[in-house]
Amino acid sequence: MVNRAYYAMFYSVTALLQSADKTSSKHAGVISLFDKDFVQTGLFPKEMSRALHEAFDERQESDYAPVRTTTRDEAAGLLASAEQFVERVAEHIGRPPQI
């Protein structure tokens, strides 16, 4: 579930970047462009950047760490954060959220 929550956020940012004619082939690049072009400019709050970074870190850890167990509460919190994130981005680009 951690993986899916992160990817919902990641792909919503990818769509956002495409709507601004920007792209990156790497996750770090997508996150960096979101921070630079949308958070630092004030279009989105810093909390959204933090949420995206935390989701990325959680996904990395849960997918690649030898022993990492995510609790049900942690996963539920991340999923709720992802839903809010995707909703906010979808509103910005004028599409209904699909998560």
C-alpha atoms as a PDB file:
ATOM      1  CA  MET A   1       0.000   0.000   0.000  1.00  0.00           C
ATOM      2  CA  VAL A   2       2.933   2.350   0.706  1.00  0.00           C
ATOM      3  CA  ASN A   3       4.146   1.805  -2.824  1.00  0.00           C
ATOM      4  CA  ARG A   4       0.719   2.579  -4.324  1.00  0.00           C
ATOM      5  CA  ALA A   5       0.214   5.709  -2.236  1.00  0.00           C
ATOM      6  CA  TYR A   6       3.606   7.070  -3.323  1.00  0.00           C
ATOM      7  CA  TYR A   7       2.967   6.297  -6.983  1.00  0.00           C
ATOM      8  CA  ALA A   8      -0.409   8.067  -6.868  1.00  0.00           C
ATOM      9  CA  MET A   9       1.432  11.170  -5.691  1.00  0.00           C
ATOM     10  CA  PHE A  10       4.298  10.702  -8.137  1.00  0.00           C
ATOM     11  CA  TYR A  11       2.043  10.309 -11.176  1.00  0.00           C
ATOM     12  CA  SER A  12      -0.115  13.261 -10.168  1.00  0.00           C
ATOM     13  CA  VAL A  13       3.040  15.404 -10.050  1.00  0.00           C
ATOM     14  CA  THR A  14       4.112  13.961 -13.405  1.00  0.00           C
ATOM     15  CA  ALA A  15       0.751  15.067 -14.876  1.00  0.00           C
ATOM     16  CA  LEU A  16       1.166  18.474 -13.247  1.00  0.00           C
ATOM     17  CA  LEU A  17       4.617  18.866 -14.768  1.00  0.00           C
ATOM     18  CA  GLN A  18       3.355  17.794 -18.184  1.00  0.00           C
ATOM     19  CA  SER A  19       0.638  20.439 -17.963  1.00  0.00           C
ATOM     20  CA  ALA A  20       3.490  22.956 -17.596  1.00  0.00           C
ATOM     21  CA  ASP A  21       5.528  21.369 -20.432  1.00  0.00           C
ATOM     22  CA  LYS A  22       8.129  20.002 -18.023  1.00  0.00           C
ATOM     23  CA  THR A  23       9.349  16.473 -17.469  1.00  0.00           C
ATOM     24  CA  SER A  24      12.028  14.362 -15.852  1.00  0.00           C
ATOM     25  CA  SER A  25      12.969  10.734 -16.312  1.00  0.00           C
ATOM     26  CA  LYS A  26      13.915  10.240 -12.661  1.00  0.00           C
ATOM     27  CA  HIS A  27      11.874  10.289  -9.476  1.00  0.00           C
ATOM     28  CA  ALA A  28      14.292  12.719  -7.827  1.00  0.00           C
ATOM     29  CA  GLY A  29      13.996  15.009 -10.841  1.00  0.00           C
ATOM     30  CA  VAL A  30      10.189  14.998 -10.724  1.00  0.00           C
ATOM     31  CA  ILE A  31      10.253  15.800  -7.013  1.00  0.00           C
ATOM     32  CA  SER A  32      12.845  18.519  -7.524  1.00  0.00           C
ATOM     33  CA  LEU A  33      10.845  20.181 -10.313  1.00  0.00           C
ATOM     34  CA  PHE A  34       7.696  20.058  -8.187  1.00  0.00           C
ATOM     35  CA  ASP A  35       9.554  21.767  -5.342  1.00  0.00           C
ATOM     36  CA  LYS A  36      11.186  24.373  -7.564  1.00  0.00           C
ATOM     37  CA  ASP A  37       8.308  25.240  -9.886  1.00  0.00           C
ATOM     38  CA  PHE A  38       5.271  24.717  -7.686  1.00  0.00           C
ATOM     39  CA  VAL A  39       6.223  24.858  -4.003  1.00  0.00           C
ATOM     40  CA  GLN A  40       8.921  27.535  -3.980  1.00  0.00           C
ATOM     41  CA  THR A  41       6.706  29.724  -6.167  1.00  0.00           C
ATOM     42  CA  GLY A  42       3.864  29.438  -3.662  1.00  0.00           C
ATOM     43  CA  LEU A  43       1.433  27.528  -5.897  1.00  0.00           C
ATOM     44  CA  PHE A  44       1.428  24.640  -3.408  1.00  0.00           C
ATOM     45  CA  PRO A  45       2.217  24.669   0.314  1.00  0.00           C
ATOM     46  CA  LYS A  46       5.458  23.294   1.750  1.00  0.00           C
ATOM     47  CA  GLU A  47       3.444  20.581   3.502  1.00  0.00           C
ATOM     48  CA  MET A  48       2.807  19.001   0.101  1.00  0.00           C
ATOM     49  CA  SER A  49       6.523  18.888  -0.584  1.00  0.00           C
ATOM     50  CA  ARG A  50       7.112  17.274   2.806  1.00  0.00           C
ATOM     51  CA  ALA A  51       4.356  14.729   2.155  1.00  0.00           C
ATOM     52  CA  LEU A  52       5.850  13.809  -1.224  1.00  0.00           C
ATOM     53  CA  HIS A  53       9.367  13.482   0.201  1.00  0.00           C
ATOM     54  CA  GLU A  54       8.108  11.373   3.102  1.00  0.00           C
ATOM     55  CA  ALA A  55       6.140   9.110   0.759  1.00  0.00           C
ATOM     56  CA  PHE A  56       9.221   8.698  -1.449  1.00  0.00           C
ATOM     57  CA  ASP A  57      11.380   7.791   1.556  1.00  0.00           C
ATOM     58  CA  GLU A  58       8.762   5.360   2.883  1.00  0.00           C
ATOM     59  CA  ARG A  59       8.454   3.689  -0.496  1.00  0.00           C
ATOM     60  CA  GLN A  60      12.210   3.353  -0.822  1.00  0.00           C
ATOM     61  CA  GLU A  61      12.438   1.833   2.620  1.00  0.00           C
ATOM     62  CA  SER A  62       9.483  -0.520   2.264  1.00  0.00           C
ATOM     63  CA  ASP A  63      10.533  -1.706  -1.212  1.00  0.00           C
ATOM     64  CA  TYR A  64      14.276  -2.005  -0.692  1.00  0.00           C
ATOM     65  CA  ALA A  65      15.131  -2.307   3.011  1.00  0.00           C
ATOM     66  CA  PRO A  66      15.872  -5.899   4.026  1.00  0.00           C
ATOM     67  CA  VAL A  67      13.489  -5.796   6.973  1.00  0.00           C
ATOM     68  CA  ARG A  68      10.885  -3.051   7.084  1.00  0.00           C
ATOM     69  CA  THR A  69       7.359  -3.495   8.330  1.00  0.00           C
ATOM     70  CA  THR A  70       4.875  -0.690   7.874  1.00  0.00           C
ATOM     71  CA  THR A  71       2.113  -0.664  10.445  1.00  0.00           C
ATOM     72  CA  ARG A  72      -1.513  -0.465   9.430  1.00  0.00           C
ATOM     73  CA  ASP A  73      -1.716   3.021  10.992  1.00  0.00           C
ATOM     74  CA  GLU A  74       1.367   4.228   9.089  1.00  0.00           C
ATOM     75  CA  ALA A  75      -0.047   2.907   5.814  1.00  0.00           C
ATOM     76  CA  ALA A  76      -3.461   4.452   6.499  1.00  0.00           C
ATOM     77  CA  GLY A  77      -1.840   7.819   7.249  1.00  0.00           C
ATOM     78  CA  LEU A  78       0.187   7.694   4.064  1.00  0.00           C
ATOM     79  CA  LEU A  79      -2.869   6.731   2.029  1.00  0.00           C
ATOM     80  CA  ALA A  80      -4.881   9.635   3.480  1.00  0.00           C
ATOM     81  CA  SER A  81      -2.006  11.998   2.714  1.00  0.00           C
ATOM     82  CA  ALA A  82      -1.794  10.677  -0.861  1.00  0.00           C
ATOM     83  CA  GLU A  83      -5.525  11.131  -1.399  1.00  0.00           C
ATOM     84  CA  GLN A  84      -5.370  14.759  -0.266  1.00  0.00           C
ATOM     85  CA  PHE A  85      -2.247  15.354  -2.340  1.00  0.00           C
ATOM     86  CA  VAL A  86      -3.757  13.925  -5.542  1.00  0.00           C
ATOM     87  CA  GLU A  87      -6.995  15.828  -4.978  1.00  0.00           C
ATOM     88  CA  ARG A  88      -5.129  19.118  -4.611  1.00  0.00           C
ATOM     89  CA  VAL A  89      -3.009  18.539  -7.720  1.00  0.00           C
ATOM     90  CA  ALA A  90      -6.047  17.434  -9.745  1.00  0.00           C
ATOM     91  CA  GLU A  91      -7.894  20.604  -8.755  1.00  0.00           C
ATOM     92  CA  HIS A  92      -4.913  22.647  -9.922  1.00  0.00           C
ATOM     93  CA  ILE A  93      -4.774  21.029 -13.343  1.00  0.00           C
ATOM     94  CA  GLY A  94      -8.555  20.906 -13.690  1.00  0.00           C
ATOM     95  CA  ARG A  95      -9.071  17.152 -13.791  1.00  0.00           C
ATOM     96  CA  PRO A  96     -11.187  15.087 -11.431  1.00  0.00           C
ATOM     97  CA  PRO A  97      -9.061  13.045  -9.005  1.00  0.00           C
ATOM     98  CA  GLN A  98      -8.778   9.342  -9.764  1.00  0.00           C
ATOM     99  CA  ILE A  99      -7.244   7.423  -6.893  1.00  0.00           C
END
